[in-house]
Amino acid sequence: MLTLYHLWLDPFSRMVRVILAEKGLDFDMVVEKTWDRRPEFLALNPAGTVPVLVEDKKSYSHALVVAEYLNEKHPNPDLL
């Protein structure tokens, strides 16, 4: 299952949400208050930024990295 750590008003998080929706993928969303600097979140992304996509205990951070990963794993429709 895909889990997206995001902030609602962050444009990079929105880009990833749109990609996930356009590809028709099921995913859970977790609002991450990056200013809290939670140790659990920092273990996923030491930079402490969103968006972070987690799948199969692997995390992918930064919107362009997530977009490329999703496009390679789910090529249809091609959004890049």
PDB file of N, CA and C in Angstrom:
ATOM      1  N   MET A   1       0.835  -1.188   0.000  1.00  0.00           N
ATOM      2  CA  MET A   1       0.000   0.000   0.000  1.00  0.00           C
ATOM      3  C   MET A   1       0.875   1.245   0.000  1.00  0.00           C
ATOM      4  N   LEU A   2       0.472   2.220  -0.752  1.00  0.00           N
ATOM      5  CA  LEU A   2       1.179   3.491  -0.831  1.00  0.00           C
ATOM      6  C   LEU A   2       0.710   4.419   0.280  1.00  0.00           C
ATOM      7  N   THR A   3       1.653   5.082   0.909  1.00  0.00           N
ATOM      8  CA  THR A   3       1.346   6.086   1.923  1.00  0.00           C
ATOM      9  C   THR A   3       2.076   7.364   1.539  1.00  0.00           C
ATOM     10  N   LEU A   4       1.341   8.457   1.474  1.00  0.00           N
ATOM     11  CA  LEU A   4       1.913   9.748   1.118  1.00  0.00           C
ATOM     12  C   LEU A   4       1.892  10.652   2.336  1.00  0.00           C
ATOM     13  N   TYR A   5       3.065  11.089   2.746  1.00  0.00           N
ATOM     14  CA  TYR A   5       3.198  12.101   3.794  1.00  0.00           C
ATOM     15  C   TYR A   5       3.239  13.438   3.074  1.00  0.00           C
ATOM     16  N   HIS A   6       2.357  14.355   3.468  1.00  0.00           N
ATOM     17  CA  HIS A   6       2.198  15.591   2.708  1.00  0.00           C
ATOM     18  C   HIS A   6       1.683  16.709   3.594  1.00  0.00           C
ATOM     19  N   LEU A   7       1.637  17.885   3.015  1.00  0.00           N
ATOM     20  CA  LEU A   7       0.938  19.041   3.582  1.00  0.00           C
ATOM     21  C   LEU A   7      -0.063  19.503   2.532  1.00  0.00           C
ATOM     22  N   TRP A   8      -1.259  19.882   2.963  1.00  0.00           N
ATOM     23  CA  TRP A   8      -2.320  20.227   2.022  1.00  0.00           C
ATOM     24  C   TRP A   8      -1.956  21.382   1.105  1.00  0.00           C
ATOM     25  N   LEU A   9      -1.300  22.413   1.616  1.00  0.00           N
ATOM     26  CA  LEU A   9      -1.040  23.601   0.808  1.00  0.00           C
ATOM     27  C   LEU A   9       0.316  23.586   0.105  1.00  0.00           C
ATOM     28  N   ASP A  10       1.088  22.540   0.282  1.00  0.00           N
ATOM     29  CA  ASP A  10       2.388  22.440  -0.361  1.00  0.00           C
ATOM     30  C   ASP A  10       2.206  22.088  -1.835  1.00  0.00           C
ATOM     31  N   PRO A  11       2.729  22.898  -2.765  1.00  0.00           N
ATOM     32  CA  PRO A  11       2.505  22.623  -4.188  1.00  0.00           C
ATOM     33  C   PRO A  11       3.163  21.329  -4.661  1.00  0.00           C
ATOM     34  N   PHE A  12       4.272  20.945  -4.072  1.00  0.00           N
ATOM     35  CA  PHE A  12       4.931  19.705  -4.471  1.00  0.00           C
ATOM     36  C   PHE A  12       4.130  18.486  -4.010  1.00  0.00           C
ATOM     37  N   SER A  13       3.540  18.593  -2.828  1.00  0.00           N
ATOM     38  CA  SER A  13       2.657  17.523  -2.357  1.00  0.00           C
ATOM     39  C   SER A  13       1.437  17.412  -3.257  1.00  0.00           C
ATOM     40  N   ARG A  14       0.923  18.548  -3.677  1.00  0.00           N
ATOM     41  CA  ARG A  14      -0.250  18.536  -4.563  1.00  0.00           C
ATOM     42  C   ARG A  14       0.089  17.869  -5.886  1.00  0.00           C
ATOM     43  N   MET A  15       1.275  18.135  -6.409  1.00  0.00           N
ATOM     44  CA  MET A  15       1.691  17.505  -7.658  1.00  0.00           C
ATOM     45  C   MET A  15       1.678  15.985  -7.528  1.00  0.00           C
ATOM     46  N   VAL A  16       2.191  15.468  -6.437  1.00  0.00           N
ATOM     47  CA  VAL A  16       2.226  14.015  -6.229  1.00  0.00           C
ATOM     48  C   VAL A  16       0.809  13.472  -6.058  1.00  0.00           C
ATOM     49  N   ARG A  17      -0.042  14.186  -5.331  1.00  0.00           N
ATOM     50  CA  ARG A  17      -1.434  13.738  -5.178  1.00  0.00           C
ATOM     51  C   ARG A  17      -2.132  13.662  -6.533  1.00  0.00           C
ATOM     52  N   VAL A  18      -1.890  14.639  -7.403  1.00  0.00           N
ATOM     53  CA  VAL A  18      -2.503  14.643  -8.735  1.00  0.00           C
ATOM     54  C   VAL A  18      -1.992  13.457  -9.553  1.00  0.00           C
ATOM     55  N   ILE A  19      -0.695  13.197  -9.499  1.00  0.00           N
ATOM     56  CA  ILE A  19      -0.130  12.062 -10.236  1.00  0.00           C
ATOM     57  C   ILE A  19      -0.741  10.757  -9.757  1.00  0.00           C
ATOM     58  N   LEU A  20      -0.824  10.584  -8.445  1.00  0.00           N
ATOM     59  CA  LEU A  20      -1.413   9.356  -7.899  1.00  0.00           C
ATOM     60  C   LEU A  20      -2.870   9.204  -8.340  1.00  0.00           C
ATOM     61  N   ALA A  21      -3.605  10.298  -8.319  1.00  0.00           N
ATOM     62  CA  ALA A  21      -5.016  10.246  -8.729  1.00  0.00           C
ATOM     63  C   ALA A  21      -5.155   9.965 -10.220  1.00  0.00           C
ATOM     64  N   GLU A  22      -4.338  10.614 -11.051  1.00  0.00           N
ATOM     65  CA  GLU A  22      -4.410  10.408 -12.495  1.00  0.00           C
ATOM     66  C   GLU A  22      -4.053   8.976 -12.890  1.00  0.00           C
ATOM     67  N   LYS A  23      -3.165   8.362 -12.130  1.00  0.00           N
ATOM     68  CA  LYS A  23      -2.786   6.977 -12.405  1.00  0.00           C
ATOM     69  C   LYS A  23      -3.776   5.988 -11.786  1.00  0.00           C
ATOM     70  N   GLY A  24      -4.737   6.486 -11.018  1.00  0.00           N
ATOM     71  CA  GLY A  24      -5.769   5.636 -10.438  1.00  0.00           C
ATOM     72  C   GLY A  24      -5.253   4.727  -9.332  1.00  0.00           C
ATOM     73  N   LEU A  25      -4.242   5.170  -8.603  1.00  0.00           N
ATOM     74  CA  LEU A  25      -3.650   4.348  -7.551  1.00  0.00           C
ATOM     75  C   LEU A  25      -4.308   4.631  -6.206  1.00  0.00           C
ATOM     76  N   ASP A  26      -4.509   3.581  -5.432  1.00  0.00           N
ATOM     77  CA  ASP A  26      -5.022   3.730  -4.073  1.00  0.00           C
ATOM     78  C   ASP A  26      -3.865   4.103  -3.165  1.00  0.00           C
ATOM     79  N   PHE A  27      -4.089   5.092  -2.300  1.00  0.00           N
ATOM     80  CA  PHE A  27      -3.036   5.503  -1.388  1.00  0.00           C
ATOM     81  C   PHE A  27      -3.643   6.128  -0.142  1.00  0.00           C
ATOM     82  N   ASP A  28      -2.917   6.015   0.940  1.00  0.00           N
ATOM     83  CA  ASP A  28      -3.287   6.670   2.187  1.00  0.00           C
ATOM     84  C   ASP A  28      -2.524   7.977   2.276  1.00  0.00           C
ATOM     85  N   MET A  29      -3.139   8.966   2.899  1.00  0.00           N
ATOM     86  CA  MET A  29      -2.480  10.250   3.087  1.00  0.00           C
ATOM     87  C   MET A  29      -2.298  10.524   4.570  1.00  0.00           C
ATOM     88  N   VAL A  30      -1.117  11.013   4.912  1.00  0.00           N
ATOM     89  CA  VAL A  30      -0.804  11.399   6.279  1.00  0.00           C
ATOM     90  C   VAL A  30      -0.328  12.840   6.233  1.00  0.00           C
ATOM     91  N   VAL A  31      -1.030  13.717   6.928  1.00  0.00           N
ATOM     92  CA  VAL A  31      -0.591  15.105   7.009  1.00  0.00           C
ATOM     93  C   VAL A  31       0.580  15.159   7.972  1.00  0.00           C
ATOM     94  N   GLU A  32       1.712  15.608   7.477  1.00  0.00           N
ATOM     95  CA  GLU A  32       2.937  15.659   8.287  1.00  0.00           C
ATOM     96  C   GLU A  32       3.267  17.108   8.614  1.00  0.00           C
ATOM     97  N   LYS A  33       3.234  17.416   9.892  1.00  0.00           N
ATOM     98  CA  LYS A  33       3.605  18.766  10.345  1.00  0.00           C
ATOM     99  C   LYS A  33       5.132  18.805  10.413  1.00  0.00           C
ATOM    100  N   THR A  34       5.737  19.267   9.348  1.00  0.00           N
ATOM    101  CA  THR A  34       7.196  19.213   9.222  1.00  0.00           C
ATOM    102  C   THR A  34       7.901  20.021  10.307  1.00  0.00           C
ATOM    103  N   TRP A  35       7.239  21.019  10.845  1.00  0.00           N
ATOM    104  CA  TRP A  35       7.840  21.843  11.886  1.00  0.00           C
ATOM    105  C   TRP A  35       7.964  21.097  13.218  1.00  0.00           C
ATOM    106  N   ASP A  36       7.269  19.955  13.377  1.00  0.00           N
ATOM    107  CA  ASP A  36       7.385  19.159  14.598  1.00  0.00           C
ATOM    108  C   ASP A  36       8.664  18.329  14.642  1.00  0.00           C
ATOM    109  N   ARG A  37       9.257  18.055  13.455  1.00  0.00           N
ATOM    110  CA  ARG A  37      10.509  17.288  13.357  1.00  0.00           C
ATOM    111  C   ARG A  37      10.416  15.956  14.111  1.00  0.00           C
ATOM    112  N   ARG A  38       9.351  15.200  13.835  1.00  0.00           N
ATOM    113  CA  ARG A  38       9.161  13.901  14.486  1.00  0.00           C
ATOM    114  C   ARG A  38      10.277  12.936  14.089  1.00  0.00           C
ATOM    115  N   PRO A  39      10.864  12.226  15.061  1.00  0.00           N
ATOM    116  CA  PRO A  39      11.927  11.264  14.746  1.00  0.00           C
ATOM    117  C   PRO A  39      11.482  10.177  13.766  1.00  0.00           C
ATOM    118  N   GLU A  40      10.225   9.749  13.845  1.00  0.00           N
ATOM    119  CA  GLU A  40       9.720   8.715  12.933  1.00  0.00           C
ATOM    120  C   GLU A  40       9.714   9.216  11.496  1.00  0.00           C
ATOM    121  N   PHE A  41       9.337  10.478  11.302  1.00  0.00           N
ATOM    122  CA  PHE A  41       9.331  11.038   9.956  1.00  0.00           C
ATOM    123  C   PHE A  41      10.754  11.318   9.478  1.00  0.00           C
ATOM    124  N   LEU A  42      11.605  11.800  10.352  1.00  0.00           N
ATOM    125  CA  LEU A  42      12.990  12.071   9.973  1.00  0.00           C
ATOM    126  C   LEU A  42      13.730  10.794   9.598  1.00  0.00           C
ATOM    127  N   ALA A  43      13.272   9.647  10.099  1.00  0.00           N
ATOM    128  CA  ALA A  43      13.861   8.377   9.678  1.00  0.00           C
ATOM    129  C   ALA A  43      13.503   8.071   8.215  1.00  0.00           C
ATOM    130  N   LEU A  44      12.356   8.551   7.761  1.00  0.00           N
ATOM    131  CA  LEU A  44      11.945   8.373   6.361  1.00  0.00           C
ATOM    132  C   LEU A  44      12.653   9.361   5.448  1.00  0.00           C
ATOM    133  N   ASN A  45      12.785  10.595   5.905  1.00  0.00           N
ATOM    134  CA  ASN A  45      13.422  11.655   5.115  1.00  0.00           C
ATOM    135  C   ASN A  45      14.194  12.567   6.070  1.00  0.00           C
ATOM    136  N   PRO A  46      15.499  12.374   6.185  1.00  0.00           N
ATOM    137  CA  PRO A  46      16.298  13.184   7.109  1.00  0.00           C
ATOM    138  C   PRO A  46      16.216  14.688   6.856  1.00  0.00           C
ATOM    139  N   ALA A  47      15.880  15.090   5.649  1.00  0.00           N
ATOM    140  CA  ALA A  47      15.729  16.517   5.361  1.00  0.00           C
ATOM    141  C   ALA A  47      14.478  17.087   6.026  1.00  0.00           C
ATOM    142  N   GLY A  48      13.517  16.229   6.350  1.00  0.00           N
ATOM    143  CA  GLY A  48      12.301  16.668   7.025  1.00  0.00           C
ATOM    144  C   GLY A  48      11.327  17.399   6.134  1.00  0.00           C
ATOM    145  N   THR A  49      11.389  17.171   4.819  1.00  0.00           N
ATOM    146  CA  THR A  49      10.498  17.857   3.886  1.00  0.00           C
ATOM    147  C   THR A  49       9.457  16.892   3.322  1.00  0.00           C
ATOM    148  N   VAL A  50       8.382  17.455   2.825  1.00  0.00           N
ATOM    149  CA  VAL A  50       7.349  16.667   2.156  1.00  0.00           C
ATOM    150  C   VAL A  50       7.364  17.036   0.682  1.00  0.00           C
ATOM    151  N   PRO A  51       6.875  16.216  -0.194  1.00  0.00           N
ATOM    152  CA  PRO A  51       6.198  14.946   0.011  1.00  0.00           C
ATOM    153  C   PRO A  51       7.181  13.791   0.164  1.00  0.00           C
ATOM    154  N   VAL A  52       6.694  12.761   0.865  1.00  0.00           N
ATOM    155  CA  VAL A  52       7.415  11.496   0.996  1.00  0.00           C
ATOM    156  C   VAL A  52       6.425  10.389   0.698  1.00  0.00           C
ATOM    157  N   LEU A  53       6.785   9.516  -0.228  1.00  0.00           N
ATOM    158  CA  LEU A  53       5.954   8.375  -0.577  1.00  0.00           C
ATOM    159  C   LEU A  53       6.608   7.129  -0.003  1.00  0.00           C
ATOM    160  N   VAL A  54       5.822   6.320   0.703  1.00  0.00           N
ATOM    161  CA  VAL A  54       6.336   5.083   1.292  1.00  0.00           C
ATOM    162  C   VAL A  54       5.589   3.915   0.670  1.00  0.00           C
ATOM    163  N   GLU A  55       6.374   2.938   0.189  1.00  0.00           N
ATOM    164  CA  GLU A  55       5.811   1.709  -0.358  1.00  0.00           C
ATOM    165  C   GLU A  55       6.753   0.566  -0.010  1.00  0.00           C
ATOM    166  N   ASP A  56       6.205  -0.487   0.545  1.00  0.00           N
ATOM    167  CA  ASP A  56       6.988  -1.665   0.902  1.00  0.00           C
ATOM    168  C   ASP A  56       8.202  -1.313   1.760  1.00  0.00           C
ATOM    169  N   LYS A  57       7.991  -0.457   2.757  1.00  0.00           N
ATOM    170  CA  LYS A  57       9.037  -0.044   3.709  1.00  0.00           C
ATOM    171  C   LYS A  57      10.180   0.718   3.051  1.00  0.00           C
ATOM    172  N   LYS A  58       9.977   1.221   1.833  1.00  0.00           N
ATOM    173  CA  LYS A  58      10.955   2.065   1.164  1.00  0.00           C
ATOM    174  C   LYS A  58      10.337   3.449   1.013  1.00  0.00           C
ATOM    175  N   SER A  59      11.146   4.468   1.238  1.00  0.00           N
ATOM    176  CA  SER A  59      10.618   5.828   1.137  1.00  0.00           C
ATOM    177  C   SER A  59      11.293   6.575  -0.011  1.00  0.00           C
ATOM    178  N   TYR A  60      10.493   7.407  -0.655  1.00  0.00           N
ATOM    179  CA  TYR A  60      10.946   8.222  -1.771  1.00  0.00           C
ATOM    180  C   TYR A  60      10.553   9.665  -1.466  1.00  0.00           C
ATOM    181  N   SER A  61      11.542  10.543  -1.442  1.00  0.00           N
ATOM    182  CA  SER A  61      11.250  11.930  -1.107  1.00  0.00           C
ATOM    183  C   SER A  61      11.607  12.844  -2.270  1.00  0.00           C
ATOM    184  N   HIS A  62      11.014  13.991  -2.292  1.00  0.00           N
ATOM    185  CA  HIS A  62      11.107  15.037  -3.305  1.00  0.00           C
ATOM    186  C   HIS A  62      10.137  14.695  -4.435  1.00  0.00           C
ATOM    187  N   ALA A  63       9.376  15.661  -4.830  1.00  0.00           N
ATOM    188  CA  ALA A  63       8.283  15.450  -5.783  1.00  0.00           C
ATOM    189  C   ALA A  63       8.744  14.866  -7.115  1.00  0.00           C
ATOM    190  N   LEU A  64       9.857  15.346  -7.646  1.00  0.00           N
ATOM    191  CA  LEU A  64      10.305  14.837  -8.943  1.00  0.00           C
ATOM    192  C   LEU A  64      10.792  13.394  -8.853  1.00  0.00           C
ATOM    193  N   VAL A  65      11.407  13.032  -7.750  1.00  0.00           N
ATOM    194  CA  VAL A  65      11.838  11.642  -7.542  1.00  0.00           C
ATOM    195  C   VAL A  65      10.618  10.739  -7.440  1.00  0.00           C
ATOM    196  N   VAL A  66       9.627  11.171  -6.690  1.00  0.00           N
ATOM    197  CA  VAL A  66       8.393  10.384  -6.540  1.00  0.00           C
ATOM    198  C   VAL A  66       7.697  10.257  -7.893  1.00  0.00           C
ATOM    199  N   ALA A  67       7.625  11.351  -8.645  1.00  0.00           N
ATOM    200  CA  ALA A  67       6.975  11.314  -9.961  1.00  0.00           C
ATOM    201  C   ALA A  67       7.685  10.339 -10.894  1.00  0.00           C
ATOM    202  N   GLU A  68       8.997  10.363 -10.906  1.00  0.00           N
ATOM    203  CA  GLU A  68       9.745   9.449 -11.769  1.00  0.00           C
ATOM    204  C   GLU A  68       9.550   7.998 -11.338  1.00  0.00           C
ATOM    205  N   TYR A  69       9.576   7.758 -10.026  1.00  0.00           N
ATOM    206  CA  TYR A  69       9.358   6.406  -9.510  1.00  0.00           C
ATOM    207  C   TYR A  69       7.976   5.890  -9.925  1.00  0.00           C
ATOM    208  N   LEU A  70       6.955   6.708  -9.736  1.00  0.00           N
ATOM    209  CA  LEU A  70       5.602   6.281 -10.088  1.00  0.00           C
ATOM    210  C   LEU A  70       5.464   6.054 -11.585  1.00  0.00           C
ATOM    211  N   ASN A  71       6.111   6.867 -12.388  1.00  0.00           N
ATOM    212  CA  ASN A  71       6.024   6.717 -13.841  1.00  0.00           C
ATOM    213  C   ASN A  71       6.723   5.445 -14.313  1.00  0.00           C
ATOM    214  N   GLU A  72       7.808   5.075 -13.640  1.00  0.00           N
ATOM    215  CA  GLU A  72       8.505   3.834 -14.003  1.00  0.00           C
ATOM    216  C   GLU A  72       7.730   2.601 -13.547  1.00  0.00           C
ATOM    217  N   LYS A  73       7.160   2.667 -12.341  1.00  0.00           N
ATOM    218  CA  LYS A  73       6.454   1.506 -11.806  1.00  0.00           C
ATOM    219  C   LYS A  73       5.062   1.346 -12.423  1.00  0.00           C
ATOM    220  N   HIS A  74       4.403   2.439 -12.727  1.00  0.00           N
ATOM    221  CA  HIS A  74       3.044   2.432 -13.312  1.00  0.00           C
ATOM    222  C   HIS A  74       3.077   3.312 -14.568  1.00  0.00           C
ATOM    223  N   PRO A  75       3.513   2.759 -15.696  1.00  0.00           N
ATOM    224  CA  PRO A  75       3.757   3.579 -16.893  1.00  0.00           C
ATOM    225  C   PRO A  75       2.513   4.150 -17.574  1.00  0.00           C
ATOM    226  N   ASN A  76       1.332   3.635 -17.278  1.00  0.00           N
ATOM    227  CA  ASN A  76       0.138   4.129 -17.949  1.00  0.00           C
ATOM    228  C   ASN A  76      -0.789   4.824 -16.973  1.00  0.00           C
ATOM    229  N   PRO A  77      -1.221   6.038 -17.261  1.00  0.00           N
ATOM    230  CA  PRO A  77      -0.791   6.894 -18.353  1.00  0.00           C
ATOM    231  C   PRO A  77       0.566   7.528 -18.055  1.00  0.00           C
ATOM    232  N   ASP A  78       1.318   7.779 -19.106  1.00  0.00           N
ATOM    233  CA  ASP A  78       2.625   8.393 -18.976  1.00  0.00           C
ATOM    234  C   ASP A  78       2.419   9.893 -18.718  1.00  0.00           C
ATOM    235  N   LEU A  79       2.868  10.348 -17.562  1.00  0.00           N
ATOM    236  CA  LEU A  79       2.644  11.743 -17.196  1.00  0.00           C
ATOM    237  C   LEU A  79       3.908  12.595 -17.210  1.00  0.00           C
ATOM    238  N   LEU A  80       5.029  12.016 -17.598  1.00  0.00           N
ATOM    239  CA  LEU A  80       6.259  12.814 -17.652  1.00  0.00           C
ATOM    240  C   LEU A  80       6.623  13.126 -19.089  1.00  0.00           C
TER     241      LEU A  80
END
